[in-house]
C-alpha cells in the first residue's frame, strides 16, 4: 500500500482532495472546454420579454404542449 505524507502547511484549513492524475487531467480538459463555450447573455429586450413571459405564466396565461399543437392544427 502506498503511503502519502501531506506537509502541515499545505492544507491550511481548506479541504484537500486527492484524485488520480488521469481524472484530474480529464477535469482540466473539461474545464477548458467549458471556458471556451459561448455563454448566453440576454439583451435588455430579451430580459424584459422574459419577465413578461414569467408574469403571464404566473397569471395562468399559458398553453400546454397539447393545447398548442391543437391550436396549430398539429395532432399527434
N, C-alpha and C. Protein backbone atom coordinates (compact mmCIF):
# COMPACT_ATOMS: atom_id res chain seq x y z
N UNK A 1 0.85 -1.17 0.00
CA UNK A 1 0.00 0.00 0.00
C UNK A 1 0.90 1.23 0.00
N UNK A 2 0.47 2.24 -0.79
CA UNK A 2 1.21 3.49 -0.88
C UNK A 2 0.87 4.39 0.29
N UNK A 3 1.89 5.02 0.86
CA UNK A 3 1.68 5.96 1.95
C UNK A 3 2.00 7.35 1.45
N UNK A 4 1.13 8.30 1.76
CA UNK A 4 1.33 9.69 1.35
C UNK A 4 1.44 10.54 2.60
N UNK A 5 2.44 11.39 2.63
CA UNK A 5 2.61 12.32 3.75
C UNK A 5 2.28 13.72 3.24
N UNK A 6 1.35 14.37 3.89
CA UNK A 6 0.95 15.72 3.49
C UNK A 6 1.57 16.70 4.48
N UNK A 7 2.41 17.61 3.98
CA UNK A 7 3.03 18.60 4.86
C UNK A 7 1.96 19.45 5.56
N UNK A 8 2.23 19.83 6.80
CA UNK A 8 1.26 20.58 7.60
C UNK A 8 0.81 21.88 6.93
N UNK A 9 1.69 22.60 6.29
CA UNK A 9 1.35 23.89 5.71
C UNK A 9 0.53 23.84 4.44
N UNK A 10 0.41 22.68 3.83
CA UNK A 10 -0.29 22.59 2.55
C UNK A 10 -1.80 22.64 2.68
N UNK A 11 -2.32 22.28 3.81
CA UNK A 11 -3.76 22.22 3.99
C UNK A 11 -4.19 23.17 5.11
N UNK A 12 -4.04 24.45 4.87
CA UNK A 12 -4.32 25.45 5.91
C UNK A 12 -5.82 25.71 6.02
N UNK A 13 -6.55 24.77 6.60
CA UNK A 13 -7.98 24.95 6.85
C UNK A 13 -8.89 24.57 5.70
N UNK A 14 -8.36 24.46 4.48
CA UNK A 14 -9.18 24.10 3.33
C UNK A 14 -9.24 22.58 3.21
N UNK A 15 -10.27 22.11 2.52
CA UNK A 15 -10.38 20.67 2.29
C UNK A 15 -9.35 20.25 1.25
N UNK A 16 -8.83 19.07 1.40
CA UNK A 16 -7.85 18.53 0.48
C UNK A 16 -8.47 17.32 -0.21
N UNK A 17 -8.36 17.28 -1.54
CA UNK A 17 -8.92 16.18 -2.32
C UNK A 17 -7.80 15.55 -3.13
N UNK A 18 -7.68 14.24 -3.06
CA UNK A 18 -6.68 13.52 -3.85
C UNK A 18 -7.41 12.69 -4.90
N UNK A 19 -7.00 12.87 -6.14
CA UNK A 19 -7.60 12.10 -7.25
C UNK A 19 -6.49 11.60 -8.15
N UNK A 20 -6.74 10.53 -8.88
CA UNK A 20 -5.74 10.05 -9.82
C UNK A 20 -5.45 11.10 -10.90
N UNK A 21 -4.21 11.16 -11.38
CA UNK A 21 -3.81 12.16 -12.36
C UNK A 21 -4.69 12.13 -13.60
N UNK A 22 -5.06 10.93 -14.07
CA UNK A 22 -5.91 10.83 -15.27
C UNK A 22 -7.24 11.54 -15.05
N UNK A 23 -7.84 11.36 -13.89
CA UNK A 23 -9.11 12.03 -13.60
C UNK A 23 -8.91 13.54 -13.53
N UNK A 24 -7.81 13.96 -12.93
CA UNK A 24 -7.53 15.39 -12.83
C UNK A 24 -7.32 16.00 -14.21
N UNK A 25 -6.58 15.29 -15.08
CA UNK A 25 -6.36 15.78 -16.44
C UNK A 25 -7.67 15.85 -17.22
N UNK A 26 -8.53 14.85 -17.03
CA UNK A 26 -9.85 14.87 -17.67
C UNK A 26 -10.66 16.08 -17.20
N UNK A 27 -10.59 16.35 -15.90
CA UNK A 27 -11.29 17.50 -15.34
C UNK A 27 -10.76 18.80 -15.94
N UNK A 28 -9.45 18.95 -16.04
CA UNK A 28 -8.87 20.16 -16.60
C UNK A 28 -9.28 20.35 -18.06
N UNK A 29 -9.32 19.26 -18.82
CA UNK A 29 -9.74 19.34 -20.22
C UNK A 29 -11.20 19.78 -20.31
N UNK A 30 -12.03 19.21 -19.45
CA UNK A 30 -13.45 19.59 -19.42
C UNK A 30 -13.60 21.06 -19.05
N UNK A 31 -12.82 21.52 -18.07
CA UNK A 31 -12.89 22.91 -17.63
C UNK A 31 -12.49 23.86 -18.76
N UNK A 32 -11.44 23.51 -19.51
CA UNK A 32 -11.02 24.34 -20.64
C UNK A 32 -12.13 24.40 -21.69
N UNK A 33 -12.78 23.27 -21.92
CA UNK A 33 -13.86 23.21 -22.91
C UNK A 33 -15.02 24.11 -22.48
N UNK A 34 -15.37 24.07 -21.21
CA UNK A 34 -16.46 24.89 -20.69
C UNK A 34 -16.13 26.37 -20.81
N UNK A 35 -14.89 26.74 -20.49
CA UNK A 35 -14.50 28.14 -20.56
C UNK A 35 -14.53 28.68 -21.98
N UNK A 36 -14.29 27.81 -22.96
CA UNK A 36 -14.29 28.26 -24.35
C UNK A 36 -15.70 28.28 -24.95
N UNK A 37 -16.67 27.70 -24.24
CA UNK A 37 -18.04 27.68 -24.74
C UNK A 37 -18.65 29.07 -24.62
N UNK A 38 -19.47 29.41 -25.59
CA UNK A 38 -20.14 30.70 -25.57
C UNK A 38 -21.25 30.67 -24.53
N UNK A 39 -21.30 31.67 -23.70
CA UNK A 39 -22.30 31.76 -22.65
C UNK A 39 -23.39 32.74 -23.10
N UNK A 40 -24.63 32.32 -22.95
CA UNK A 40 -25.76 33.15 -23.36
C UNK A 40 -25.93 34.32 -22.41
N UNK A 41 -25.95 35.51 -22.94
CA UNK A 41 -26.21 36.72 -22.17
C UNK A 41 -27.41 37.41 -22.82
N UNK A 42 -28.57 37.40 -22.18
CA UNK A 42 -29.74 38.04 -22.80
C UNK A 42 -29.57 39.55 -22.91
N UNK A 43 -30.14 40.09 -23.98
CA UNK A 43 -30.14 41.54 -24.17
C UNK A 43 -31.18 42.15 -23.22
N UNK A 44 -31.14 43.46 -23.01
CA UNK A 44 -32.16 44.09 -22.18
C UNK A 44 -33.58 43.81 -22.68
N UNK A 45 -33.76 43.80 -24.01
CA UNK A 45 -35.08 43.49 -24.58
C UNK A 45 -35.50 42.06 -24.23
N UNK A 46 -34.57 41.12 -24.34
CA UNK A 46 -34.89 39.72 -24.02
C UNK A 46 -35.21 39.55 -22.54
N UNK A 47 -34.51 40.30 -21.68
CA UNK A 47 -34.79 40.24 -20.25
C UNK A 47 -36.20 40.75 -19.96
N UNK A 48 -36.59 41.83 -20.63
CA UNK A 48 -37.93 42.39 -20.46
C UNK A 48 -38.99 41.39 -20.94
N UNK A 49 -38.75 40.78 -22.10
CA UNK A 49 -39.69 39.79 -22.64
C UNK A 49 -39.80 38.57 -21.73
N UNK A 50 -38.70 38.15 -21.16
CA UNK A 50 -38.71 37.01 -20.25
C UNK A 50 -39.50 37.35 -18.98
N UNK A 51 -39.31 38.56 -18.47
CA UNK A 51 -40.07 38.98 -17.28
C UNK A 51 -41.56 38.98 -17.58
N UNK A 52 -41.94 39.45 -18.77
CA UNK A 52 -43.35 39.45 -19.15
C UNK A 52 -43.87 38.03 -19.30
N UNK A 53 -43.08 37.15 -19.88
CA UNK A 53 -43.49 35.75 -20.04
C UNK A 53 -43.70 35.10 -18.67
N UNK A 54 -42.84 35.41 -17.72
CA UNK A 54 -42.99 34.85 -16.36
C UNK A 54 -44.28 35.36 -15.71
N UNK A 55 -44.59 36.64 -15.90
CA UNK A 55 -45.83 37.20 -15.37
C UNK A 55 -47.04 36.50 -15.99
N UNK A 56 -46.99 36.32 -17.30
CA UNK A 56 -48.09 35.64 -17.99
C UNK A 56 -48.26 34.21 -17.47
N UNK A 57 -47.18 33.52 -17.28
CA UNK A 57 -47.24 32.15 -16.79
C UNK A 57 -47.82 32.11 -15.38
N UNK A 58 -47.37 33.02 -14.52
CA UNK A 58 -47.86 33.07 -13.15
C UNK A 58 -49.36 33.38 -13.11
N UNK A 59 -49.84 34.15 -14.11
CA UNK A 59 -51.25 34.51 -14.17
C UNK A 59 -52.09 33.43 -14.86
N UNK A 60 -51.44 32.35 -15.25
CA UNK A 60 -52.17 31.26 -15.90
C UNK A 60 -52.41 31.46 -17.38
N UNK A 61 -51.73 32.42 -17.95
CA UNK A 61 -51.87 32.69 -19.39
C UNK A 61 -50.84 31.89 -20.16
N UNK A 62 -51.07 30.58 -20.23
CA UNK A 62 -50.13 29.71 -20.94
C UNK A 62 -50.89 28.54 -21.52
N UNK A 63 -50.24 27.82 -22.40
CA UNK A 63 -50.82 26.64 -23.05
C UNK A 63 -49.96 25.42 -22.74
N UNK A 64 -50.60 24.26 -22.65
CA UNK A 64 -49.83 23.02 -22.58
C UNK A 64 -49.35 22.72 -23.99
N UNK A 65 -48.43 21.81 -24.12
CA UNK A 65 -47.93 21.44 -25.45
C UNK A 65 -49.05 20.84 -26.30
N UNK A 66 -49.96 20.10 -25.68
CA UNK A 66 -51.10 19.53 -26.41
C UNK A 66 -52.04 20.64 -26.90
N UNK A 67 -52.31 21.63 -26.05
CA UNK A 67 -53.16 22.75 -26.45
C UNK A 67 -52.53 23.54 -27.59
N UNK A 68 -51.23 23.74 -27.53
CA UNK A 68 -50.53 24.44 -28.60
C UNK A 68 -50.63 23.67 -29.91
N UNK A 69 -50.39 22.36 -29.83
CA UNK A 69 -50.49 21.52 -31.03
C UNK A 69 -51.88 21.58 -31.63
N UNK A 70 -52.90 21.53 -30.80
CA UNK A 70 -54.29 21.61 -31.28
C UNK A 70 -54.55 22.96 -31.94
N UNK A 71 -54.08 24.05 -31.29
CA UNK A 71 -54.29 25.39 -31.83
C UNK A 71 -53.58 25.58 -33.18
N UNK A 72 -52.46 24.89 -33.35
CA UNK A 72 -51.71 24.97 -34.61
C UNK A 72 -52.16 23.94 -35.63
N UNK A 73 -53.09 23.09 -35.24
CA UNK A 73 -53.57 22.05 -36.15
C UNK A 73 -52.61 20.88 -36.28
N UNK A 74 -51.78 20.69 -35.27
CA UNK A 74 -50.81 19.60 -35.28
C UNK A 74 -51.30 18.57 -34.26
N UNK A 75 -51.66 17.42 -34.73
CA UNK A 75 -52.13 16.37 -33.84
C UNK A 75 -51.10 15.25 -33.83
N UNK A 76 -50.93 14.65 -32.68
CA UNK A 76 -50.01 13.50 -32.61
C UNK A 76 -50.68 12.28 -32.07
